[in-house]
Each structure stands twice: as C-alpha cells, then as structure tokens.
Amino acid sequence: MNENPVRWFEIYVQEMARAKSFYESVLGVKLEALNSPGVEMFAFPMQMGQGGASGSLVRMEGMPSGGNSTLVYFGCEDCAVEAARVVKAGGRICREKFSIGEYGFCALAVDTEGNVFGLHSMT
C-alpha cells in the first residue's frame, strides 16, 4: 500500500446545526455543505493532494450518533488549545492532554452528539 490507509471519515449527528457549531468552535475551522441527495453533509476543510484524510458531519435517517467504537483524531499544533474550547462549545473532556511518548500528545473529548473524538499534536 503506497498511501495513507484512511481516506475519509464520517461523524454521524442528530442535530446538524449544533454539531457544526461545535466542531467549528473547537477546531477553529469553517465546514462547507456537500451536495449529497437525501443526506445532510458538512465537510471539514481539505487540501487536495496533501497527506491525511478529511471527512464530514453526516445526518442520515437510520444512522444514530454516539455509542460508536470508531475514534477520529484531529491534528492540532497543541491539542491542549482545542481541548480548552470543548466545554465552551457544549462538549465535555474525557481525558485532558496526555503524552503518548515519541508519538506526541492526545486529548479525548465528547461532542454535542455523544461521539468521542481525539485531538493529536506533537507538542
């Protein structure tokens, strides 16, 4: 395999406006609507031709949020900065910034829809 294994991620939500506001506030980004018939989707910013994966928030009938076993990690300069925004944006912190040795640092949080997600940085 000559590429990164993750190409796309989807975070399922029940209330798109609330979830979109949460991620825009925590990550300091603007999500853009995707044209997808029958499914409401807002994509995270992506740079075509760059490494890493992008994805979207998705509201789809029959796909509940929360209780998932997949964990998405968002890249950050210092994950403590984004973690500090989580509670103000309506989420909660599961675990504050912690070391993962030579691989940097992580923080774990829960969004407004009950989904657990991670924040990762090298510092």
PDB file of N, CA and C in Angstrom:
ATOM      1  N   MET A   1       0.843  -1.177   0.000  1.00  0.00           N
ATOM      2  CA  MET A   1       0.000   0.000   0.000  1.00  0.00           C
ATOM      3  C   MET A   1       0.891   1.244   0.000  1.00  0.00           C
ATOM      4  N   ASN A   2       0.727   2.118  -0.981  1.00  0.00           N
ATOM      5  CA  ASN A   2       1.567   3.302  -1.126  1.00  0.00           C
ATOM      6  C   ASN A   2       0.874   4.591  -0.727  1.00  0.00           C
ATOM      7  N   GLU A   3      -0.128   4.499   0.125  1.00  0.00           N
ATOM      8  CA  GLU A   3      -0.841   5.689   0.551  1.00  0.00           C
ATOM      9  C   GLU A   3      -1.304   5.531   1.988  1.00  0.00           C
ATOM     10  N   ASN A   4      -1.743   6.643   2.566  1.00  0.00           N
ATOM     11  CA  ASN A   4      -2.286   6.575   3.919  1.00  0.00           C
ATOM     12  C   ASN A   4      -3.538   5.709   3.928  1.00  0.00           C
ATOM     13  N   PRO A   5      -3.746   4.883   4.959  1.00  0.00           N
ATOM     14  CA  PRO A   5      -4.872   3.959   4.961  1.00  0.00           C
ATOM     15  C   PRO A   5      -6.234   4.632   5.144  1.00  0.00           C
ATOM     16  N   VAL A   6      -6.280   5.793   5.763  1.00  0.00           N
ATOM     17  CA  VAL A   6      -7.565   6.461   5.973  1.00  0.00           C
ATOM     18  C   VAL A   6      -7.770   7.495   4.876  1.00  0.00           C
ATOM     19  N   ARG A   7      -8.918   7.426   4.190  1.00  0.00           N
ATOM     20  CA  ARG A   7      -9.215   8.357   3.112  1.00  0.00           C
ATOM     21  C   ARG A   7     -10.334   9.322   3.467  1.00  0.00           C
ATOM     22  N   TRP A   8     -11.236   8.921   4.343  1.00  0.00           N
ATOM     23  CA  TRP A   8     -12.414   9.730   4.641  1.00  0.00           C
ATOM     24  C   TRP A   8     -12.974   9.288   5.979  1.00  0.00           C
ATOM     25  N   PHE A   9     -13.624  10.175   6.687  1.00  0.00           N
ATOM     26  CA  PHE A   9     -14.332   9.791   7.895  1.00  0.00           C
ATOM     27  C   PHE A   9     -15.678  10.485   7.916  1.00  0.00           C
ATOM     28  N   GLU A  10     -16.624   9.884   8.589  1.00  0.00           N
ATOM     29  CA  GLU A  10     -17.943  10.474   8.777  1.00  0.00           C
ATOM     30  C   GLU A  10     -18.302  10.416  10.248  1.00  0.00           C
ATOM     31  N   ILE A  11     -18.792  11.534  10.764  1.00  0.00           N
ATOM     32  CA  ILE A  11     -19.258  11.624  12.141  1.00  0.00           C
ATOM     33  C   ILE A  11     -20.764  11.823  12.065  1.00  0.00           C
ATOM     34  N   TYR A  12     -21.515  10.840  12.500  1.00  0.00           N
ATOM     35  CA  TYR A  12     -22.971  10.901  12.411  1.00  0.00           C
ATOM     36  C   TYR A  12     -23.546  11.763  13.523  1.00  0.00           C
ATOM     37  N   VAL A  13     -24.521  12.589  13.162  1.00  0.00           N
ATOM     38  CA  VAL A  13     -25.104  13.558  14.082  1.00  0.00           C
ATOM     39  C   VAL A  13     -26.623  13.510  13.996  1.00  0.00           C
ATOM     40  N   GLN A  14     -27.279  14.027  15.026  1.00  0.00           N
ATOM     41  CA  GLN A  14     -28.730  14.121  15.038  1.00  0.00           C
ATOM     42  C   GLN A  14     -29.194  15.545  14.751  1.00  0.00           C
ATOM     43  N   GLU A  15     -28.442  16.534  15.224  1.00  0.00           N
ATOM     44  CA  GLU A  15     -28.789  17.939  15.018  1.00  0.00           C
ATOM     45  C   GLU A  15     -27.605  18.631  14.354  1.00  0.00           C
ATOM     46  N   MET A  16     -27.683  18.817  13.040  1.00  0.00           N
ATOM     47  CA  MET A  16     -26.557  19.314  12.256  1.00  0.00           C
ATOM     48  C   MET A  16     -26.082  20.696  12.714  1.00  0.00           C
ATOM     49  N   ALA A  17     -26.986  21.635  12.942  1.00  0.00           N
ATOM     50  CA  ALA A  17     -26.571  22.989  13.325  1.00  0.00           C
ATOM     51  C   ALA A  17     -25.757  22.972  14.612  1.00  0.00           C
ATOM     52  N   ARG A  18     -26.197  22.195  15.585  1.00  0.00           N
ATOM     53  CA  ARG A  18     -25.489  22.094  16.868  1.00  0.00           C
ATOM     54  C   ARG A  18     -24.116  21.465  16.671  1.00  0.00           C
ATOM     55  N   ALA A  19     -24.036  20.360  15.934  1.00  0.00           N
ATOM     56  CA  ALA A  19     -22.769  19.659  15.715  1.00  0.00           C
ATOM     57  C   ALA A  19     -21.805  20.514  14.900  1.00  0.00           C
ATOM     58  N   LYS A  20     -22.305  21.172  13.861  1.00  0.00           N
ATOM     59  CA  LYS A  20     -21.472  22.034  13.017  1.00  0.00           C
ATOM     60  C   LYS A  20     -20.882  23.172  13.850  1.00  0.00           C
ATOM     61  N   SER A  21     -21.703  23.799  14.660  1.00  0.00           N
ATOM     62  CA  SER A  21     -21.234  24.881  15.525  1.00  0.00           C
ATOM     63  C   SER A  21     -20.167  24.389  16.493  1.00  0.00           C
ATOM     64  N   PHE A  22     -20.357  23.200  17.050  1.00  0.00           N
ATOM     65  CA  PHE A  22     -19.403  22.626  17.992  1.00  0.00           C
ATOM     66  C   PHE A  22     -18.032  22.463  17.338  1.00  0.00           C
ATOM     67  N   TYR A  23     -17.959  21.760  16.202  1.00  0.00           N
ATOM     68  CA  TYR A  23     -16.672  21.491  15.569  1.00  0.00           C
ATOM     69  C   TYR A  23     -16.026  22.756  15.016  1.00  0.00           C
ATOM     70  N   GLU A  24     -16.812  23.679  14.500  1.00  0.00           N
ATOM     71  CA  GLU A  24     -16.241  24.942  14.039  1.00  0.00           C
ATOM     72  C   GLU A  24     -15.638  25.715  15.211  1.00  0.00           C
ATOM     73  N   SER A  25     -16.314  25.690  16.352  1.00  0.00           N
ATOM     74  CA  SER A  25     -15.808  26.397  17.542  1.00  0.00           C
ATOM     75  C   SER A  25     -14.553  25.751  18.099  1.00  0.00           C
ATOM     76  N   VAL A  26     -14.555  24.431  18.245  1.00  0.00           N
ATOM     77  CA  VAL A  26     -13.420  23.724  18.839  1.00  0.00           C
ATOM     78  C   VAL A  26     -12.193  23.756  17.929  1.00  0.00           C
ATOM     79  N   LEU A  27     -12.370  23.484  16.645  1.00  0.00           N
ATOM     80  CA  LEU A  27     -11.231  23.375  15.736  1.00  0.00           C
ATOM     81  C   LEU A  27     -10.868  24.692  15.049  1.00  0.00           C
ATOM     82  N   GLY A  28     -11.720  25.702  15.183  1.00  0.00           N
ATOM     83  CA  GLY A  28     -11.431  26.984  14.552  1.00  0.00           C
ATOM     84  C   GLY A  28     -11.442  26.913  13.038  1.00  0.00           C
ATOM     85  N   VAL A  29     -12.382  26.140  12.470  1.00  0.00           N
ATOM     86  CA  VAL A  29     -12.490  25.970  11.024  1.00  0.00           C
ATOM     87  C   VAL A  29     -13.914  26.268  10.578  1.00  0.00           C
ATOM     88  N   LYS A  30     -14.120  26.335   9.261  1.00  0.00           N
ATOM     89  CA  LYS A  30     -15.435  26.520   8.673  1.00  0.00           C
ATOM     90  C   LYS A  30     -15.777  25.273   7.878  1.00  0.00           C
ATOM     91  N   LEU A  31     -16.893  24.613   8.210  1.00  0.00           N
ATOM     92  CA  LEU A  31     -17.343  23.441   7.474  1.00  0.00           C
ATOM     93  C   LEU A  31     -18.208  23.888   6.298  1.00  0.00           C
ATOM     94  N   GLU A  32     -18.091  23.180   5.180  1.00  0.00           N
ATOM     95  CA  GLU A  32     -18.804  23.532   3.958  1.00  0.00           C
ATOM     96  C   GLU A  32     -19.819  22.452   3.591  1.00  0.00           C
ATOM     97  N   ALA A  33     -20.995  22.886   3.168  1.00  0.00           N
ATOM     98  CA  ALA A  33     -22.055  21.952   2.758  1.00  0.00           C
ATOM     99  C   ALA A  33     -21.609  21.151   1.542  1.00  0.00           C
ATOM    100  N   LEU A  34     -21.946  19.848   1.550  1.00  0.00           N
ATOM    101  CA  LEU A  34     -21.699  18.987   0.398  1.00  0.00           C
ATOM    102  C   LEU A  34     -23.050  18.661  -0.240  1.00  0.00           C
ATOM    103  N   ASN A  35     -23.070  18.598  -1.544  1.00  0.00           N
ATOM    104  CA  ASN A  35     -24.297  18.267  -2.259  1.00  0.00           C
ATOM    105  C   ASN A  35     -24.432  16.749  -2.314  1.00  0.00           C
ATOM    106  N   SER A  36     -25.286  16.207  -1.462  1.00  0.00           N
ATOM    107  CA  SER A  36     -25.472  14.762  -1.379  1.00  0.00           C
ATOM    108  C   SER A  36     -26.967  14.488  -1.221  1.00  0.00           C
ATOM    109  N   PRO A  37     -27.638  14.057  -2.278  1.00  0.00           N
ATOM    110  CA  PRO A  37     -29.092  13.856  -2.234  1.00  0.00           C
ATOM    111  C   PRO A  37     -29.534  12.930  -1.105  1.00  0.00           C
ATOM    112  N   GLY A  38     -30.490  13.402  -0.300  1.00  0.00           N
ATOM    113  CA  GLY A  38     -31.063  12.588   0.760  1.00  0.00           C
ATOM    114  C   GLY A  38     -30.248  12.506   2.029  1.00  0.00           C
ATOM    115  N   VAL A  39     -29.060  13.124   2.035  1.00  0.00           N
ATOM    116  CA  VAL A  39     -28.178  13.085   3.195  1.00  0.00           C
ATOM    117  C   VAL A  39     -27.654  14.496   3.435  1.00  0.00           C
ATOM    118  N   GLU A  40     -27.719  14.964   4.677  1.00  0.00           N
ATOM    119  CA  GLU A  40     -27.168  16.281   5.002  1.00  0.00           C
ATOM    120  C   GLU A  40     -25.714  16.103   5.426  1.00  0.00           C
ATOM    121  N   MET A  41     -24.799  16.775   4.714  1.00  0.00           N
ATOM    122  CA  MET A  41     -23.376  16.628   4.985  1.00  0.00           C
ATOM    123  C   MET A  41     -22.681  17.986   4.989  1.00  0.00           C
ATOM    124  N   PHE A  42     -21.771  18.168   5.956  1.00  0.00           N
ATOM    125  CA  PHE A  42     -20.904  19.339   6.009  1.00  0.00           C
ATOM    126  C   PHE A  42     -19.476  18.838   6.160  1.00  0.00           C
ATOM    127  N   ALA A  43     -18.611  19.209   5.212  1.00  0.00           N
ATOM    128  CA  ALA A  43     -17.235  18.704   5.167  1.00  0.00           C
ATOM    129  C   ALA A  43     -16.272  19.577   5.951  1.00  0.00           C
ATOM    130  N   PHE A  44     -15.311  18.920   6.575  1.00  0.00           N
ATOM    131  CA  PHE A  44     -14.183  19.596   7.193  1.00  0.00           C
ATOM    132  C   PHE A  44     -13.279  20.103   6.066  1.00  0.00           C
ATOM    133  N   PRO A  45     -12.492  21.161   6.314  1.00  0.00           N
ATOM    134  CA  PRO A  45     -11.595  21.665   5.271  1.00  0.00           C
ATOM    135  C   PRO A  45     -10.637  20.573   4.807  1.00  0.00           C
ATOM    136  N   MET A  46     -10.342  20.572   3.516  1.00  0.00           N
ATOM    137  CA  MET A  46      -9.403  19.578   2.991  1.00  0.00           C
ATOM    138  C   MET A  46      -8.500  20.230   1.963  1.00  0.00           C
ATOM    139  N   GLN A  47      -7.304  19.714   1.877  1.00  0.00           N
ATOM    140  CA  GLN A  47      -6.318  20.170   0.906  1.00  0.00           C
ATOM    141  C   GLN A  47      -6.054  19.008  -0.041  1.00  0.00           C
ATOM    142  N   MET A  48      -6.579  19.094  -1.251  1.00  0.00           N
ATOM    143  CA  MET A  48      -6.379  18.023  -2.226  1.00  0.00           C
ATOM    144  C   MET A  48      -4.884  17.848  -2.493  1.00  0.00           C
ATOM    145  N   GLY A  49      -4.441  16.631  -2.595  1.00  0.00           N
ATOM    146  CA  GLY A  49      -3.048  16.343  -2.871  1.00  0.00           C
ATOM    147  C   GLY A  49      -2.152  16.344  -1.644  1.00  0.00           C
ATOM    148  N   GLN A  50      -2.703  16.620  -0.480  1.00  0.00           N
ATOM    149  CA  GLN A  50      -1.927  16.616   0.753  1.00  0.00           C
ATOM    150  C   GLN A  50      -2.158  15.302   1.506  1.00  0.00           C
ATOM    151  N   GLY A  51      -1.279  14.978   2.436  1.00  0.00           N
ATOM    152  CA  GLY A  51      -1.432  13.771   3.243  1.00  0.00           C
ATOM    153  C   GLY A  51      -2.566  13.910   4.232  1.00  0.00           C
ATOM    154  N   GLY A  52      -2.955  12.820   4.818  1.00  0.00           N
ATOM    155  CA  GLY A  52      -4.030  12.833   5.809  1.00  0.00           C
ATOM    156  C   GLY A  52      -5.387  12.676   5.149  1.00  0.00           C
ATOM    157  N   ALA A  53      -6.398  12.626   5.969  1.00  0.00           N
ATOM    158  CA  ALA A  53      -7.755  12.406   5.472  1.00  0.00           C
ATOM    159  C   ALA A  53      -8.666  13.534   5.910  1.00  0.00           C
ATOM    160  N   SER A  54      -9.719  13.730   5.155  1.00  0.00           N
ATOM    161  CA  SER A  54     -10.764  14.653   5.563  1.00  0.00           C
ATOM    162  C   SER A  54     -12.048  13.852   5.701  1.00  0.00           C
ATOM    163  N   GLY A  55     -13.103  14.540   6.063  1.00  0.00           N
ATOM    164  CA  GLY A  55     -14.367  13.865   6.249  1.00  0.00           C
ATOM    165  C   GLY A  55     -15.458  14.870   6.489  1.00  0.00           C
ATOM    166  N   SER A  56     -16.593  14.378   6.990  1.00  0.00           N
ATOM    167  CA  SER A  56     -17.731  15.269   7.159  1.00  0.00           C
ATOM    168  C   SER A  56     -18.615  14.861   8.319  1.00  0.00           C
ATOM    169  N   LEU A  57     -19.436  15.812   8.735  1.00  0.00           N
ATOM    170  CA  LEU A  57     -20.547  15.528   9.624  1.00  0.00           C
ATOM    171  C   LEU A  57     -21.669  15.030   8.720  1.00  0.00           C
ATOM    172  N   VAL A  58     -22.428  14.044   9.180  1.00  0.00           N
ATOM    173  CA  VAL A  58     -23.491  13.466   8.360  1.00  0.00           C
ATOM    174  C   VAL A  58     -24.747  13.286   9.194  1.00  0.00           C
ATOM    175  N   ARG A  59     -25.873  13.766   8.659  1.00  0.00           N
ATOM    176  CA  ARG A  59     -27.168  13.481   9.271  1.00  0.00           C
ATOM    177  C   ARG A  59     -27.933  12.655   8.254  1.00  0.00           C
ATOM    178  N   MET A  60     -28.185  11.381   8.625  1.00  0.00           N
ATOM    179  CA  MET A  60     -28.821  10.432   7.724  1.00  0.00           C
ATOM    180  C   MET A  60     -29.821   9.602   8.512  1.00  0.00           C
ATOM    181  N   GLU A  61     -30.994   9.445   7.961  1.00  0.00           N
ATOM    182  CA  GLU A  61     -32.031   8.624   8.584  1.00  0.00           C
ATOM    183  C   GLU A  61     -31.492   7.217   8.835  1.00  0.00           C
ATOM    184  N   GLY A  62     -31.693   6.714  10.052  1.00  0.00           N
ATOM    185  CA  GLY A  62     -31.278   5.365  10.405  1.00  0.00           C
ATOM    186  C   GLY A  62     -29.848   5.237  10.879  1.00  0.00           C
ATOM    187  N   MET A  63     -29.111   6.350  10.941  1.00  0.00           N
ATOM    188  CA  MET A  63     -27.726   6.314  11.408  1.00  0.00           C
ATOM    189  C   MET A  63     -27.603   7.198  12.642  1.00  0.00           C
ATOM    190  N   PRO A  64     -27.750   6.627  13.834  1.00  0.00           N
ATOM    191  CA  PRO A  64     -27.703   7.423  15.061  1.00  0.00           C
ATOM    192  C   PRO A  64     -26.286   7.871  15.404  1.00  0.00           C
ATOM    193  N   SER A  65     -26.211   8.906  16.214  1.00  0.00           N
ATOM    194  CA  SER A  65     -24.910   9.375  16.701  1.00  0.00           C
ATOM    195  C   SER A  65     -24.624   8.752  18.057  1.00  0.00           C
ATOM    196  N   GLY A  66     -23.386   8.902  18.512  1.00  0.00           N
ATOM    197  CA  GLY A  66     -22.999   8.404  19.837  1.00  0.00           C
ATOM    198  C   GLY A  66     -22.873   6.896  19.876  1.00  0.00           C
ATOM    199  N   GLY A  67     -22.212   6.416  20.907  1.00  0.00           N
ATOM    200  CA  GLY A  67     -22.064   4.973  21.107  1.00  0.00           C
ATOM    201  C   GLY A  67     -21.188   4.292  20.068  1.00  0.00           C
ATOM    202  N   ASN A  68     -20.425   5.063  19.325  1.00  0.00           N
ATOM    203  CA  ASN A  68     -19.601   4.464  18.279  1.00  0.00           C
ATOM    204  C   ASN A  68     -18.302   3.895  18.837  1.00  0.00           C
ATOM    205  N   SER A  69     -17.717   3.005  18.084  1.00  0.00           N
ATOM    206  CA  SER A  69     -16.447   2.421  18.509  1.00  0.00           C
ATOM    207  C   SER A  69     -15.309   2.880  17.624  1.00  0.00           C
ATOM    208  N   THR A  70     -15.553   3.840  16.742  1.00  0.00           N
ATOM    209  CA  THR A  70     -14.520   4.399  15.878  1.00  0.00           C
ATOM    210  C   THR A  70     -14.085   5.732  16.453  1.00  0.00           C
ATOM    211  N   LEU A  71     -12.794   5.954  16.517  1.00  0.00           N
ATOM    212  CA  LEU A  71     -12.280   7.193  17.090  1.00  0.00           C
ATOM    213  C   LEU A  71     -11.524   7.968  16.027  1.00  0.00           C
ATOM    214  N   VAL A  72     -11.965   9.190  15.773  1.00  0.00           N
ATOM    215  CA  VAL A  72     -11.324  10.083  14.818  1.00  0.00           C
ATOM    216  C   VAL A  72     -10.421  11.026  15.604  1.00  0.00           C
ATOM    217  N   TYR A  73      -9.167  11.179  15.161  1.00  0.00           N
ATOM    218  CA  TYR A  73      -8.235  12.123  15.777  1.00  0.00           C
ATOM    219  C   TYR A  73      -8.020  13.295  14.821  1.00  0.00           C
ATOM    220  N   PHE A  74      -8.221  14.513  15.332  1.00  0.00           N
ATOM    221  CA  PHE A  74      -7.966  15.716  14.562  1.00  0.00           C
ATOM    222  C   PHE A  74      -6.568  16.222  14.894  1.00  0.00           C
ATOM    223  N   GLY A  75      -5.805  16.582  13.871  1.00  0.00           N
ATOM    224  CA  GLY A  75      -4.467  17.103  14.075  1.00  0.00           C
ATOM    225  C   GLY A  75      -4.497  18.540  14.564  1.00  0.00           C
ATOM    226  N   CYS A  76      -3.597  18.885  15.477  1.00  0.00           N
ATOM    227  CA  CYS A  76      -3.530  20.218  16.091  1.00  0.00           C
ATOM    228  C   CYS A  76      -2.065  20.608  16.277  1.00  0.00           C
ATOM    229  N   GLU A  77      -1.817  21.902  16.445  1.00  0.00           N
ATOM    230  CA  GLU A  77      -0.482  22.368  16.815  1.00  0.00           C
ATOM    231  C   GLU A  77      -0.190  21.978  18.263  1.00  0.00           C
ATOM    232  N   ASP A  78      -1.148  22.247  19.146  1.00  0.00           N
ATOM    233  CA  ASP A  78      -1.074  21.887  20.567  1.00  0.00           C
ATOM    234  C   ASP A  78      -2.487  21.478  20.978  1.00  0.00           C
ATOM    235  N   CYS A  79      -2.705  20.205  21.162  1.00  0.00           N
ATOM    236  CA  CYS A  79      -4.062  19.704  21.410  1.00  0.00           C
ATOM    237  C   CYS A  79      -4.711  20.286  22.662  1.00  0.00           C
ATOM    238  N   ALA A  80      -3.927  20.838  23.569  1.00  0.00           N
ATOM    239  CA  ALA A  80      -4.499  21.474  24.765  1.00  0.00           C
ATOM    240  C   ALA A  80      -5.316  22.714  24.397  1.00  0.00           C
ATOM    241  N   VAL A  81      -4.938  23.399  23.313  1.00  0.00           N
ATOM    242  CA  VAL A  81      -5.652  24.610  22.876  1.00  0.00           C
ATOM    243  C   VAL A  81      -7.073  24.239  22.450  1.00  0.00           C
ATOM    244  N   GLU A  82      -7.204  23.260  21.567  1.00  0.00           N
ATOM    245  CA  GLU A  82      -8.526  22.838  21.107  1.00  0.00           C
ATOM    246  C   GLU A  82      -9.312  22.187  22.235  1.00  0.00           C
ATOM    247  N   ALA A  83      -8.646  21.406  23.082  1.00  0.00           N
ATOM    248  CA  ALA A  83      -9.332  20.772  24.221  1.00  0.00           C
ATOM    249  C   ALA A  83      -9.941  21.826  25.138  1.00  0.00           C
ATOM    250  N   ALA A  84      -9.266  22.956  25.287  1.00  0.00           N
ATOM    251  CA  ALA A  84      -9.783  24.028  26.144  1.00  0.00           C
ATOM    252  C   ALA A  84     -11.065  24.638  25.586  1.00  0.00           C
ATOM    253  N   ARG A  85     -11.349  24.458  24.310  1.00  0.00           N
ATOM    254  CA  ARG A  85     -12.560  25.003  23.686  1.00  0.00           C
ATOM    255  C   ARG A  85     -13.762  24.066  23.781  1.00  0.00           C
ATOM    256  N   VAL A  86     -13.527  22.804  24.100  1.00  0.00           N
ATOM    257  CA  VAL A  86     -14.581  21.779  24.049  1.00  0.00           C
ATOM    258  C   VAL A  86     -15.763  22.098  24.956  1.00  0.00           C
ATOM    259  N   VAL A  87     -15.526  22.359  26.218  1.00  0.00           N
ATOM    260  CA  VAL A  87     -16.619  22.599  27.172  1.00  0.00           C
ATOM    261  C   VAL A  87     -17.392  23.857  26.793  1.00  0.00           C
ATOM    262  N   LYS A  88     -16.673  24.922  26.397  1.00  0.00           N
ATOM    263  CA  LYS A  88     -17.332  26.167  25.987  1.00  0.00           C
ATOM    264  C   LYS A  88     -18.230  25.949  24.771  1.00  0.00           C
ATOM    265  N   ALA A  89     -17.886  24.973  23.936  1.00  0.00           N
ATOM    266  CA  ALA A  89     -18.663  24.683  22.730  1.00  0.00           C
ATOM    267  C   ALA A  89     -19.800  23.697  22.990  1.00  0.00           C
ATOM    268  N   GLY A  90     -19.937  23.219  24.224  1.00  0.00           N
ATOM    269  CA  GLY A  90     -21.044  22.330  24.565  1.00  0.00           C
ATOM    270  C   GLY A  90     -20.689  20.872  24.733  1.00  0.00           C
ATOM    271  N   GLY A  91     -19.420  20.516  24.596  1.00  0.00           N
ATOM    272  CA  GLY A  91     -18.992  19.133  24.769  1.00  0.00           C
ATOM    273  C   GLY A  91     -18.408  18.903  26.149  1.00  0.00           C
ATOM    274  N   ARG A  92     -17.702  17.784  26.300  1.00  0.00           N
ATOM    275  CA  ARG A  92     -17.036  17.502  27.573  1.00  0.00           C
ATOM    276  C   ARG A  92     -15.712  16.783  27.308  1.00  0.00           C
ATOM    277  N   ILE A  93     -14.798  16.929  28.244  1.00  0.00           N
ATOM    278  CA  ILE A  93     -13.475  16.311  28.139  1.00  0.00           C
ATOM    279  C   ILE A  93     -13.496  14.946  28.830  1.00  0.00           C
ATOM    280  N   CYS A  94     -13.021  13.932  28.129  1.00  0.00           N
ATOM    281  CA  CYS A  94     -12.861  12.595  28.725  1.00  0.00           C
ATOM    282  C   CYS A  94     -11.500  12.491  29.392  1.00  0.00           C
ATOM    283  N   ARG A  95     -10.490  13.014  28.707  1.00  0.00           N
ATOM    284  CA  ARG A  95      -9.128  12.968  29.215  1.00  0.00           C
ATOM    285  C   ARG A  95      -8.359  14.163  28.674  1.00  0.00           C
ATOM    286  N   GLU A  96      -7.827  14.961  29.588  1.00  0.00           N
ATOM    287  CA  GLU A  96      -7.024  16.125  29.207  1.00  0.00           C
ATOM    288  C   GLU A  96      -5.775  15.664  28.460  1.00  0.00           C
ATOM    289  N   LYS A  97      -5.054  16.595  27.881  1.00  0.00           N
ATOM    290  CA  LYS A  97      -3.838  16.316  27.131  1.00  0.00           C
ATOM    291  C   LYS A  97      -2.927  15.370  27.912  1.00  0.00           C
ATOM    292  N   PHE A  98      -2.478  14.307  27.218  1.00  0.00           N
ATOM    293  CA  PHE A  98      -1.571  13.343  27.838  1.00  0.00           C
ATOM    294  C   PHE A  98      -0.537  12.898  26.811  1.00  0.00           C
ATOM    295  N   SER A  99       0.601  12.453  27.292  1.00  0.00           N
ATOM    296  CA  SER A  99       1.701  12.034  26.435  1.00  0.00           C
ATOM    297  C   SER A  99       1.461  10.634  25.880  1.00  0.00           C
ATOM    298  N   ILE A 100       1.832  10.458  24.621  1.00  0.00           N
ATOM    299  CA  ILE A 100       1.877   9.121  24.021  1.00  0.00           C
ATOM    300  C   ILE A 100       3.318   8.846  23.574  1.00  0.00           C
ATOM    301  N   GLY A 101       4.246   9.344  24.401  1.00  0.00           N
ATOM    302  CA  GLY A 101       5.674   9.111  24.165  1.00  0.00           C
ATOM    303  C   GLY A 101       6.177   9.800  22.921  1.00  0.00           C
ATOM    304  N   GLU A 102       6.977   9.097  22.146  1.00  0.00           N
ATOM    305  CA  GLU A 102       7.588   9.673  20.952  1.00  0.00           C
ATOM    306  C   GLU A 102       6.569  10.074  19.889  1.00  0.00           C
ATOM    307  N   TYR A 103       5.305   9.672  20.052  1.00  0.00           N
ATOM    308  CA  TYR A 103       4.269   9.964  19.060  1.00  0.00           C
ATOM    309  C   TYR A 103       3.489  11.231  19.370  1.00  0.00           C
ATOM    310  N   GLY A 104       3.875  11.962  20.428  1.00  0.00           N
ATOM    311  CA  GLY A 104       3.248  13.240  20.717  1.00  0.00           C
ATOM    312  C   GLY A 104       2.289  13.202  21.889  1.00  0.00           C
ATOM    313  N   PHE A 105       1.179  13.911  21.720  1.00  0.00           N
ATOM    314  CA  PHE A 105       0.201  14.086  22.794  1.00  0.00           C
ATOM    315  C   PHE A 105      -1.211  13.956  22.245  1.00  0.00           C
ATOM    316  N   CYS A 106      -2.138  13.570  23.112  1.00  0.00           N
ATOM    317  CA  CYS A 106      -3.546  13.438  22.738  1.00  0.00           C
ATOM    318  C   CYS A 106      -4.435  13.996  23.843  1.00  0.00           C
ATOM    319  N   ALA A 107      -5.635  14.325  23.483  1.00  0.00           N
ATOM    320  CA  ALA A 107      -6.714  14.624  24.425  1.00  0.00           C
ATOM    321  C   ALA A 107      -7.952  13.940  23.854  1.00  0.00           C
ATOM    322  N   LEU A 108      -8.852  13.497  24.716  1.00  0.00           N
ATOM    323  CA  LEU A 108     -10.080  12.832  24.289  1.00  0.00           C
ATOM    324  C   LEU A 108     -11.282  13.629  24.775  1.00  0.00           C
ATOM    325  N   ALA A 109     -12.279  13.769  23.917  1.00  0.00           N
ATOM    326  CA  ALA A 109     -13.453  14.573  24.243  1.00  0.00           C
ATOM    327  C   ALA A 109     -14.716  13.938  23.670  1.00  0.00           C
ATOM    328  N   VAL A 110     -15.869  14.456  24.105  1.00  0.00           N
ATOM    329  CA  VAL A 110     -17.176  14.029  23.591  1.00  0.00           C
ATOM    330  C   VAL A 110     -17.849  15.256  22.994  1.00  0.00           C
ATOM    331  N   ASP A 111     -18.374  15.117  21.772  1.00  0.00           N
ATOM    332  CA  ASP A 111     -19.034  16.244  21.118  1.00  0.00           C
ATOM    333  C   ASP A 111     -20.485  16.389  21.588  1.00  0.00           C
ATOM    334  N   THR A 112     -21.202  17.327  21.022  1.00  0.00           N
ATOM    335  CA  THR A 112     -22.590  17.598  21.410  1.00  0.00           C
ATOM    336  C   THR A 112     -23.551  16.488  21.008  1.00  0.00           C
ATOM    337  N   GLU A 113     -23.095  15.560  20.161  1.00  0.00           N
ATOM    338  CA  GLU A 113     -23.943  14.461  19.683  1.00  0.00           C
ATOM    339  C   GLU A 113     -23.637  13.140  20.381  1.00  0.00           C
ATOM    340  N   GLY A 114     -22.703  13.161  21.343  1.00  0.00           N
ATOM    341  CA  GLY A 114     -22.346  11.941  22.073  1.00  0.00           C
ATOM    342  C   GLY A 114     -21.223  11.143  21.456  1.00  0.00           C
ATOM    343  N   ASN A 115     -20.566  11.685  20.426  1.00  0.00           N
ATOM    344  CA  ASN A 115     -19.450  10.996  19.771  1.00  0.00           C
ATOM    345  C   ASN A 115     -18.136  11.319  20.473  1.00  0.00           C
ATOM    346  N   VAL A 116     -17.339  10.303  20.747  1.00  0.00           N
ATOM    347  CA  VAL A 116     -15.998  10.512  21.299  1.00  0.00           C
ATOM    348  C   VAL A 116     -15.056  10.795  20.130  1.00  0.00           C
ATOM    349  N   PHE A 117     -14.158  11.767  20.300  1.00  0.00           N
ATOM    350  CA  PHE A 117     -13.156  12.073  19.290  1.00  0.00           C
ATOM    351  C   PHE A 117     -11.852  12.431  19.976  1.00  0.00           C
ATOM    352  N   GLY A 118     -10.769  12.366  19.220  1.00  0.00           N
ATOM    353  CA  GLY A 118      -9.459  12.677  19.767  1.00  0.00           C
ATOM    354  C   GLY A 118      -8.857  13.905  19.127  1.00  0.00           C
ATOM    355  N   LEU A 119      -7.923  14.530  19.856  1.00  0.00           N
ATOM    356  CA  LEU A 119      -7.120  15.634  19.357  1.00  0.00           C
ATOM    357  C   LEU A 119      -5.668  15.191  19.500  1.00  0.00           C
ATOM    358  N   HIS A 120      -4.845  15.415  18.462  1.00  0.00           N
ATOM    359  CA  HIS A 120      -3.461  14.954  18.477  1.00  0.00           C
ATOM    360  C   HIS A 120      -2.517  16.088  18.088  1.00  0.00           C
ATOM    361  N   SER A 121      -1.400  16.180  18.795  1.00  0.00           N
ATOM    362  CA  SER A 121      -0.347  17.127  18.429  1.00  0.00           C
ATOM    363  C   SER A 121       1.002  16.524  18.810  1.00  0.00           C
ATOM    364  N   MET A 122       2.056  17.069  18.231  1.00  0.00           N
ATOM    365  CA  MET A 122       3.404  16.610  18.557  1.00  0.00           C
ATOM    366  C   MET A 122       3.975  17.375  19.747  1.00  0.00           C
ATOM    367  N   THR A 123       3.372  18.510  20.097  1.00  0.00           N
ATOM    368  CA  THR A 123       3.851  19.282  21.248  1.00  0.00           C
ATOM    369  C   THR A 123       2.757  19.399  22.306  1.00  0.00           C
TER     370      THR A 123
END
